[in-house]
Structure formats: structure tokens, C-alpha cells
PDB file of N, CA and C in Angstrom:
ATOM      1  N   MET A   1       1.752 -20.329  26.687  1.00  0.00           N
ATOM      2  CA  MET A   1       2.400 -20.324  25.331  1.00  0.00           C
ATOM      3  C   MET A   1       1.766 -20.455  24.104  1.00  0.00           C
ATOM      4  N   SER A   2       0.821 -20.020  24.259  1.00  0.00           N
ATOM      5  CA  SER A   2      -0.621 -20.701  23.246  1.00  0.00           C
ATOM      6  C   SER A   2      -0.833 -19.550  22.053  1.00  0.00           C
ATOM      7  N   ASN A   3      -0.162 -18.243  22.350  1.00  0.00           N
ATOM      8  CA  ASN A   3      -0.103 -17.394  22.041  1.00  0.00           C
ATOM      9  C   ASN A   3       0.898 -17.428  21.143  1.00  0.00           C
ATOM     10  N   VAL A   4       1.874 -18.120  21.093  1.00  0.00           N
ATOM     11  CA  VAL A   4       3.262 -18.683  20.243  1.00  0.00           C
ATOM     12  C   VAL A   4       3.320 -20.061  19.496  1.00  0.00           C
ATOM     13  N   THR A   5       3.736 -19.381  17.983  1.00  0.00           N
ATOM     14  CA  THR A   5       3.615 -20.103  17.365  1.00  0.00           C
ATOM     15  C   THR A   5       4.965 -21.301  17.558  1.00  0.00           C
ATOM     16  N   ALA A   6       5.116 -22.280  16.206  1.00  0.00           N
ATOM     17  CA  ALA A   6       6.361 -23.009  16.406  1.00  0.00           C
ATOM     18  C   ALA A   6       7.486 -22.277  16.732  1.00  0.00           C
ATOM     19  N   VAL A   7       8.590 -22.626  17.076  1.00  0.00           N
ATOM     20  CA  VAL A   7      10.460 -21.747  16.910  1.00  0.00           C
ATOM     21  C   VAL A   7      10.598 -22.109  15.624  1.00  0.00           C
ATOM     22  N   LEU A   8      10.993 -21.004  15.089  1.00  0.00           N
ATOM     23  CA  LEU A   8      11.764 -21.025  13.778  1.00  0.00           C
ATOM     24  C   LEU A   8      12.881 -20.632  13.889  1.00  0.00           C
ATOM     25  N   ASN A   9      14.117 -20.638  13.040  1.00  0.00           N
ATOM     26  CA  ASN A   9      15.214 -20.490  12.896  1.00  0.00           C
ATOM     27  C   ASN A   9      15.352 -19.666  12.142  1.00  0.00           C
ATOM     28  N   VAL A  10      15.637 -18.153  12.979  1.00  0.00           N
ATOM     29  CA  VAL A  10      16.108 -16.956  11.738  1.00  0.00           C
ATOM     30  C   VAL A  10      17.569 -16.757  11.467  1.00  0.00           C
ATOM     31  N   TYR A  11      17.795 -16.475   9.862  1.00  0.00           N
ATOM     32  CA  TYR A  11      19.420 -16.541   9.242  1.00  0.00           C
ATOM     33  C   TYR A  11      19.428 -15.199   9.100  1.00  0.00           C
ATOM     34  N   GLN A  12      18.704 -14.212   9.334  1.00  0.00           N
ATOM     35  CA  GLN A  12      18.880 -12.577   9.393  1.00  0.00           C
ATOM     36  C   GLN A  12      18.091 -11.957  10.427  1.00  0.00           C
ATOM     37  N   ILE A  13      18.425 -11.129  10.960  1.00  0.00           N
ATOM     38  CA  ILE A  13      17.430 -10.104  11.076  1.00  0.00           C
ATOM     39  C   ILE A  13      18.150  -8.543  10.931  1.00  0.00           C
ATOM     40  N   ASN A  14      16.518  -7.967   9.646  1.00  0.00           N
ATOM     41  CA  ASN A  14      16.750  -6.269   9.786  1.00  0.00           C
ATOM     42  C   ASN A  14      17.959  -6.655   8.509  1.00  0.00           C
ATOM     43  N   ASN A  15      19.263  -6.140   8.810  1.00  0.00           N
ATOM     44  CA  ASN A  15      20.572  -6.360   7.799  1.00  0.00           C
ATOM     45  C   ASN A  15      21.328  -7.125   8.280  1.00  0.00           C
ATOM     46  N   ARG A  16      21.329  -7.997   9.326  1.00  0.00           N
ATOM     47  CA  ARG A  16      22.531  -8.763   9.908  1.00  0.00           C
ATOM     48  C   ARG A  16      22.025 -10.270   9.661  1.00  0.00           C
ATOM     49  N   VAL A  17      23.253 -10.964   8.539  1.00  0.00           N
ATOM     50  CA  VAL A  17      23.040 -11.947   8.977  1.00  0.00           C
ATOM     51  C   VAL A  17      23.403 -12.842  10.074  1.00  0.00           C
ATOM     52  N   MET A  18      22.989 -13.892  10.213  1.00  0.00           N
ATOM     53  CA  MET A  18      23.620 -14.914  10.932  1.00  0.00           C
ATOM     54  C   MET A  18      24.837 -15.613  10.471  1.00  0.00           C
ATOM     55  N   ASP A  19      26.205 -15.724  11.681  1.00  0.00           N
ATOM     56  CA  ASP A  19      26.836 -16.370  10.930  1.00  0.00           C
ATOM     57  C   ASP A  19      26.491 -17.972  10.571  1.00  0.00           C
ATOM     58  N   ARG A  20      27.477 -18.458   9.595  1.00  0.00           N
ATOM     59  CA  ARG A  20      27.165 -19.273   8.903  1.00  0.00           C
ATOM     60  C   ARG A  20      26.850 -20.494  10.249  1.00  0.00           C
ATOM     61  N   ASP A  21      26.201 -21.339   9.809  1.00  0.00           N
ATOM     62  CA  ASP A  21      25.467 -22.684  10.972  1.00  0.00           C
ATOM     63  C   ASP A  21      25.534 -22.132  12.646  1.00  0.00           C
ATOM     64  N   ALA A  22      24.982 -21.137  12.626  1.00  0.00           N
ATOM     65  CA  ALA A  22      24.009 -20.372  13.689  1.00  0.00           C
ATOM     66  C   ALA A  22      23.158 -19.484  13.835  1.00  0.00           C
ATOM     67  N   PRO A  23      21.991 -20.156  12.754  1.00  0.00           N
ATOM     68  CA  PRO A  23      20.772 -19.398  12.848  1.00  0.00           C
ATOM     69  C   PRO A  23      20.481 -19.442  14.392  1.00  0.00           C
ATOM     70  N   LEU A  24      19.700 -18.057  14.674  1.00  0.00           N
ATOM     71  CA  LEU A  24      18.952 -17.977  15.917  1.00  0.00           C
ATOM     72  C   LEU A  24      17.629 -18.646  15.879  1.00  0.00           C
ATOM     73  N   LYS A  25      16.951 -19.206  17.349  1.00  0.00           N
ATOM     74  CA  LYS A  25      15.558 -19.322  17.442  1.00  0.00           C
ATOM     75  C   LYS A  25      14.599 -19.107  18.163  1.00  0.00           C
ATOM     76  N   PHE A  26      13.701 -18.527  17.767  1.00  0.00           N
ATOM     77  CA  PHE A  26      12.767 -17.269  17.879  1.00  0.00           C
ATOM     78  C   PHE A  26      11.746 -17.936  17.727  1.00  0.00           C
ATOM     79  N   ALA A  27      11.068 -17.756  18.812  1.00  0.00           N
ATOM     80  CA  ALA A  27       9.029 -18.104  18.805  1.00  0.00           C
ATOM     81  C   ALA A  27       8.448 -16.677  18.595  1.00  0.00           C
ATOM     82  N   PHE A  28       7.351 -17.016  17.585  1.00  0.00           N
ATOM     83  CA  PHE A  28       7.082 -15.773  17.423  1.00  0.00           C
ATOM     84  C   PHE A  28       5.984 -15.650  17.080  1.00  0.00           C
ATOM     85  N   PRO A  29       4.899 -14.380  18.048  1.00  0.00           N
ATOM     86  CA  PRO A  29       3.431 -14.500  18.441  1.00  0.00           C
ATOM     87  C   PRO A  29       2.498 -15.145  17.105  1.00  0.00           C
ATOM     88  N   THR A  30       1.014 -15.483  17.803  1.00  0.00           N
ATOM     89  CA  THR A  30       0.549 -15.556  17.100  1.00  0.00           C
ATOM     90  C   THR A  30      -0.301 -15.314  16.021  1.00  0.00           C
ATOM     91  N   GLN A  31      -0.431 -13.555  16.706  1.00  0.00           N
ATOM     92  CA  GLN A  31      -1.240 -12.333  15.866  1.00  0.00           C
ATOM     93  C   GLN A  31      -0.237 -11.161  16.221  1.00  0.00           C
ATOM     94  N   GLY A  32      -0.340 -10.618  14.870  1.00  0.00           N
ATOM     95  CA  GLY A  32       0.071  -9.036  15.055  1.00  0.00           C
ATOM     96  C   GLY A  32       1.794  -9.445  13.949  1.00  0.00           C
ATOM     97  N   CYS A  33       1.816 -10.563  13.499  1.00  0.00           N
ATOM     98  CA  CYS A  33       3.291 -10.390  12.229  1.00  0.00           C
ATOM     99  C   CYS A  33       2.750 -10.228  11.070  1.00  0.00           C
ATOM    100  N   LEU A  34       2.945  -9.575  10.352  1.00  0.00           N
ATOM    101  CA  LEU A  34       2.880  -9.208   8.939  1.00  0.00           C
ATOM    102  C   LEU A  34       4.154 -10.556   8.268  1.00  0.00           C
ATOM    103  N   LEU A  35       3.505 -11.153   7.376  1.00  0.00           N
ATOM    104  CA  LEU A  35       4.443 -12.346   6.408  1.00  0.00           C
ATOM    105  C   LEU A  35       4.259 -11.825   5.290  1.00  0.00           C
ATOM    106  N   GLN A  36       6.097 -12.223   4.746  1.00  0.00           N
ATOM    107  CA  GLN A  36       6.181 -11.603   3.173  1.00  0.00           C
ATOM    108  C   GLN A  36       6.651 -12.973   2.153  1.00  0.00           C
ATOM    109  N   ASP A  37       6.357 -12.968   1.246  1.00  0.00           N
ATOM    110  CA  ASP A  37       6.938 -13.759   0.204  1.00  0.00           C
ATOM    111  C   ASP A  37       8.502 -12.830  -0.088  1.00  0.00           C
ATOM    112  N   VAL A  38       9.688 -13.631   0.196  1.00  0.00           N
ATOM    113  CA  VAL A  38      11.259 -13.193  -0.474  1.00  0.00           C
ATOM    114  C   VAL A  38      11.865 -14.371  -1.871  1.00  0.00           C
ATOM    115  N   SER A  39      10.844 -15.323  -1.843  1.00  0.00           N
ATOM    116  CA  SER A  39      11.914 -16.010  -2.817  1.00  0.00           C
ATOM    117  C   SER A  39      12.151 -15.726  -4.133  1.00  0.00           C
ATOM    118  N   GLY A  40      11.897 -14.456  -4.682  1.00  0.00           N
ATOM    119  CA  GLY A  40      12.220 -13.870  -6.051  1.00  0.00           C
ATOM    120  C   GLY A  40      12.949 -12.697  -5.335  1.00  0.00           C
ATOM    121  N   SER A  41      12.972 -12.165  -4.538  1.00  0.00           N
ATOM    122  CA  SER A  41      13.836 -11.163  -3.995  1.00  0.00           C
ATOM    123  C   SER A  41      15.589 -11.282  -3.704  1.00  0.00           C
ATOM    124  N   PRO A  42      16.341 -10.082  -3.845  1.00  0.00           N
ATOM    125  CA  PRO A  42      17.747 -10.537  -3.995  1.00  0.00           C
ATOM    126  C   PRO A  42      18.279 -10.505  -2.685  1.00  0.00           C
ATOM    127  N   GLN A  43      17.397 -10.525  -1.697  1.00  0.00           N
ATOM    128  CA  GLN A  43      17.759 -11.049  -0.451  1.00  0.00           C
ATOM    129  C   GLN A  43      17.206 -12.700   0.052  1.00  0.00           C
ATOM    130  N   ARG A  44      16.851 -12.915  -0.962  1.00  0.00           N
ATOM    131  CA  ARG A  44      16.680 -14.690  -1.000  1.00  0.00           C
ATOM    132  C   ARG A  44      18.402 -15.293  -0.599  1.00  0.00           C
ATOM    133  N   SER A  45      19.166 -14.743  -1.075  1.00  0.00           N
ATOM    134  CA  SER A  45      20.609 -15.654  -0.894  1.00  0.00           C
ATOM    135  C   SER A  45      21.527 -14.943  -0.152  1.00  0.00           C
ATOM    136  N   LEU A  46      21.656 -15.230   1.075  1.00  0.00           N
ATOM    137  CA  LEU A  46      22.259 -14.490   2.173  1.00  0.00           C
ATOM    138  C   LEU A  46      23.844 -15.576   2.214  1.00  0.00           C
ATOM    139  N   SER A  47      24.617 -14.327   2.269  1.00  0.00           N
ATOM    140  CA  SER A  47      26.415 -13.970   2.050  1.00  0.00           C
ATOM    141  C   SER A  47      26.734 -15.496   3.513  1.00  0.00           C
ATOM    142  N   SER A  48      26.053 -15.824   4.118  1.00  0.00           N
ATOM    143  CA  SER A  48      25.793 -17.331   5.004  1.00  0.00           C
ATOM    144  C   SER A  48      26.344 -18.535   3.864  1.00  0.00           C
ATOM    145  N   GLY A  49      25.382 -18.377   2.717  1.00  0.00           N
ATOM    146  CA  GLY A  49      25.589 -19.578   2.086  1.00  0.00           C
ATOM    147  C   GLY A  49      23.582 -19.734   2.091  1.00  0.00           C
ATOM    148  N   TYR A  50      22.848 -19.310   3.024  1.00  0.00           N
ATOM    149  CA  TYR A  50      21.626 -20.027   2.998  1.00  0.00           C
ATOM    150  C   TYR A  50      20.442 -19.473   2.417  1.00  0.00           C
ATOM    151  N   ASN A  51      19.513 -19.827   2.068  1.00  0.00           N
ATOM    152  CA  ASN A  51      18.455 -19.512   1.508  1.00  0.00           C
ATOM    153  C   ASN A  51      17.374 -19.004   1.933  1.00  0.00           C
ATOM    154  N   VAL A  52      17.074 -17.893   2.266  1.00  0.00           N
ATOM    155  CA  VAL A  52      15.163 -17.218   3.072  1.00  0.00           C
ATOM    156  C   VAL A  52      14.448 -17.561   2.010  1.00  0.00           C
ATOM    157  N   TYR A  53      13.348 -18.015   2.340  1.00  0.00           N
ATOM    158  CA  TYR A  53      11.886 -17.854   1.305  1.00  0.00           C
ATOM    159  C   TYR A  53      10.873 -16.916   2.251  1.00  0.00           C
ATOM    160  N   GLY A  54      10.887 -16.459   3.304  1.00  0.00           N
ATOM    161  CA  GLY A  54      10.026 -16.235   4.075  1.00  0.00           C
ATOM    162  C   GLY A  54      10.444 -14.924   4.646  1.00  0.00           C
ATOM    163  N   LEU A  55       9.669 -13.939   4.921  1.00  0.00           N
ATOM    164  CA  LEU A  55       9.854 -12.970   5.531  1.00  0.00           C
ATOM    165  C   LEU A  55       8.926 -12.409   7.215  1.00  0.00           C
ATOM    166  N   ILE A  56       9.410 -12.506   8.206  1.00  0.00           N
ATOM    167  CA  ILE A  56       8.147 -12.376   9.226  1.00  0.00           C
ATOM    168  C   ILE A  56       8.839 -10.787   9.788  1.00  0.00           C
ATOM    169  N   ILE A  57       7.757 -10.364   9.737  1.00  0.00           N
ATOM    170  CA  ILE A  57       8.110  -8.469  10.370  1.00  0.00           C
ATOM    171  C   ILE A  57       6.997  -8.364  11.466  1.00  0.00           C
ATOM    172  N   ILE A  58       7.239  -8.173  12.208  1.00  0.00           N
ATOM    173  CA  ILE A  58       6.969  -7.675  13.815  1.00  0.00           C
ATOM    174  C   ILE A  58       6.572  -6.129  14.054  1.00  0.00           C
ATOM    175  N   PRO A  59       5.634  -5.369  13.264  1.00  0.00           N
ATOM    176  CA  PRO A  59       5.784  -3.939  13.481  1.00  0.00           C
ATOM    177  C   PRO A  59       5.731  -2.885  15.100  1.00  0.00           C
ATOM    178  N   SER A  60       6.643  -2.127  14.536  1.00  0.00           N
ATOM    179  CA  SER A  60       7.471  -1.584  15.915  1.00  0.00           C
ATOM    180  C   SER A  60       5.968  -0.600  16.304  1.00  0.00           C
ATOM    181  N   PRO A  61       5.909  -0.743  18.005  1.00  0.00           N
ATOM    182  CA  PRO A  61       4.628  -0.291  18.552  1.00  0.00           C
ATOM    183  C   PRO A  61       4.399   0.830  18.281  1.00  0.00           C
ATOM    184  N   GLY A  62       3.616   1.370  18.401  1.00  0.00           N
ATOM    185  CA  GLY A  62       3.189   2.807  18.264  1.00  0.00           C
ATOM    186  C   GLY A  62       3.367   4.146  17.014  1.00  0.00           C
ATOM    187  N   ALA A  63       3.824   3.216  16.258  1.00  0.00           N
ATOM    188  CA  ALA A  63       4.333   3.488  14.729  1.00  0.00           C
ATOM    189  C   ALA A  63       3.605   3.070  13.987  1.00  0.00           C
ATOM    190  N   ALA A  64       2.678   3.871  13.436  1.00  0.00           N
ATOM    191  CA  ALA A  64       1.257   3.456  12.677  1.00  0.00           C
ATOM    192  C   ALA A  64       1.953   2.694  11.069  1.00  0.00           C
ATOM    193  N   ASN A  65       2.545   3.504  10.374  1.00  0.00           N
ATOM    194  CA  ASN A  65       3.031   3.003   9.451  1.00  0.00           C
ATOM    195  C   ASN A  65       4.541   2.559   9.245  1.00  0.00           C
ATOM    196  N   ALA A  66       5.608   2.414  10.259  1.00  0.00           N
ATOM    197  CA  ALA A  66       6.705   2.209  10.285  1.00  0.00           C
ATOM    198  C   ALA A  66       6.922   0.917  10.118  1.00  0.00           C
ATOM    199  N   PHE A  67       7.934   0.249   9.463  1.00  0.00           N
ATOM    200  CA  PHE A  67       8.061  -1.105   9.791  1.00  0.00           C
ATOM    201  C   PHE A  67       8.834  -1.212  11.109  1.00  0.00           C
ATOM    202  N   GLY A  68       8.715  -2.714  11.540  1.00  0.00           N
ATOM    203  CA  GLY A  68       9.557  -2.949  12.655  1.00  0.00           C
ATOM    204  C   GLY A  68      10.871  -3.972  12.212  1.00  0.00           C
ATOM    205  N   THR A  69      11.167  -4.641  13.160  1.00  0.00           N
ATOM    206  CA  THR A  69      11.499  -6.540  13.063  1.00  0.00           C
ATOM    207  C   THR A  69      11.757  -6.828  11.715  1.00  0.00           C
ATOM    208  N   GLU A  70      12.822  -7.508  11.064  1.00  0.00           N
ATOM    209  CA  GLU A  70      12.477  -8.268   9.772  1.00  0.00           C
ATOM    210  C   GLU A  70      13.275  -9.255  10.259  1.00  0.00           C
ATOM    211  N   TYR A  71      12.546 -10.521  10.614  1.00  0.00           N
ATOM    212  CA  TYR A  71      13.116 -12.009  10.662  1.00  0.00           C
ATOM    213  C   TYR A  71      13.082 -12.388   9.286  1.00  0.00           C
ATOM    214  N   TYR A  72      14.165 -13.308   8.612  1.00  0.00           N
ATOM    215  CA  TYR A  72      14.191 -14.249   7.188  1.00  0.00           C
ATOM    216  C   TYR A  72      14.408 -15.340   7.828  1.00  0.00           C
ATOM    217  N   VAL A  73      13.918 -16.397   7.344  1.00  0.00           N
ATOM    218  CA  VAL A  73      13.520 -17.330   7.792  1.00  0.00           C
ATOM    219  C   VAL A  73      13.632 -18.636   6.389  1.00  0.00           C
ATOM    220  N   ALA A  74      13.489 -20.063   6.456  1.00  0.00           N
ATOM    221  CA  ALA A  74      14.071 -20.774   5.187  1.00  0.00           C
ATOM    222  C   ALA A  74      12.431 -21.061   5.170  1.00  0.00           C
ATOM    223  N   GLU A  75      11.351 -20.978   5.777  1.00  0.00           N
ATOM    224  CA  GLU A  75       9.859 -21.272   5.334  1.00  0.00           C
ATOM    225  C   GLU A  75       9.341 -20.227   4.261  1.00  0.00           C
ATOM    226  N   THR A  76       8.543 -21.325   3.063  1.00  0.00           N
ATOM    227  CA  THR A  76       7.919 -20.475   2.440  1.00  0.00           C
ATOM    228  C   THR A  76       7.248 -19.956   2.692  1.00  0.00           C
ATOM    229  N   ILE A  77       6.151 -18.518   2.325  1.00  0.00           N
ATOM    230  CA  ILE A  77       5.098 -18.526   2.647  1.00  0.00           C
ATOM    231  C   ILE A  77       4.087 -19.280   3.059  1.00  0.00           C
ATOM    232  N   SER A  78       4.044 -20.143   2.092  1.00  0.00           N
ATOM    233  CA  SER A  78       2.563 -20.989   2.301  1.00  0.00           C
ATOM    234  C   SER A  78       3.203 -21.889   3.479  1.00  0.00           C
ATOM    235  N   GLN A  79       3.996 -22.385   4.140  1.00  0.00           N
ATOM    236  CA  GLN A  79       4.678 -22.939   5.172  1.00  0.00           C
ATOM    237  C   GLN A  79       4.197 -21.847   6.023  1.00  0.00           C
ATOM    238  N   LEU A  80       4.429 -20.710   6.320  1.00  0.00           N
ATOM    239  CA  LEU A  80       4.537 -19.591   7.138  1.00  0.00           C
ATOM    240  C   LEU A  80       2.756 -19.314   7.282  1.00  0.00           C
ATOM    241  N   ALA A  81       2.395 -19.725   6.503  1.00  0.00           N
ATOM    242  CA  ALA A  81       0.659 -19.159   6.908  1.00  0.00           C
ATOM    243  C   ALA A  81      -0.049 -20.259   7.414  1.00  0.00           C
ATOM    244  N   THR A  82       0.320 -21.710   7.468  1.00  0.00           N
ATOM    245  CA  THR A  82       0.048 -22.776   7.768  1.00  0.00           C
ATOM    246  C   THR A  82       0.333 -22.891   9.292  1.00  0.00           C
ATOM    247  N   ILE A  83       2.000 -22.066   9.615  1.00  0.00           N
ATOM    248  CA  ILE A  83       2.524 -22.383  10.928  1.00  0.00           C
ATOM    249  C   ILE A  83       1.502 -21.243  11.912  1.00  0.00           C
ATOM    250  N   PHE A  84       1.132 -19.850  10.999  1.00  0.00           N
ATOM    251  CA  PHE A  84       0.449 -19.005  11.723  1.00  0.00           C
ATOM    252  C   PHE A  84      -1.127 -18.766  11.716  1.00  0.00           C
ATOM    253  N   GLY A  85      -1.306 -19.830  11.149  1.00  0.00           N
ATOM    254  CA  GLY A  85      -2.667 -20.065  10.557  1.00  0.00           C
ATOM    255  C   GLY A  85      -3.699 -19.251  11.041  1.00  0.00           C
TER     256      GLY A  85
END
């Protein structure tokens, strides 16, 4: 488990918003994830009523320039940087 960060609530995966009061809990690897600030993005306010501020992207294996799965979380980019260290 040393290669896994803290468990985070995910409020949207790619384009699928989780139901209200039903975020999914995910543990992310400590390496290989891309972090992005979405606090100023139209994606920030979800239809479920939640606001997300950070995006964790796990690139698709074998696809050099392709985006992988996108996980939207409530943590800010600075909080994610601390978590992922």
C-alpha cells in the first residue's frame, strides 16, 4: 500500500457525474497521475450540486499522447500536490 495515496472522494469520472450524496472513494497511485486545476473551469459546478476544484488524470497505458480516465475531486490543486507529494 505504500504506492497508494490517501483515499479521495470522486464526484465525476470522465463525463459521468456521480449521484448526489454518492461520491465514489478511490485510492490513487503515488506516481503516474497528472494533476490539473479546474477551479476556474465550467466543469467546476456539477449537476449534482457539488463543486470540484481538482482533476486527477490516469493516462491510458500504451497511448503516448492520449488522455486516460479523468477523476474530478473536491480538493484544490495545492491540496492534491501535498497529497501526492
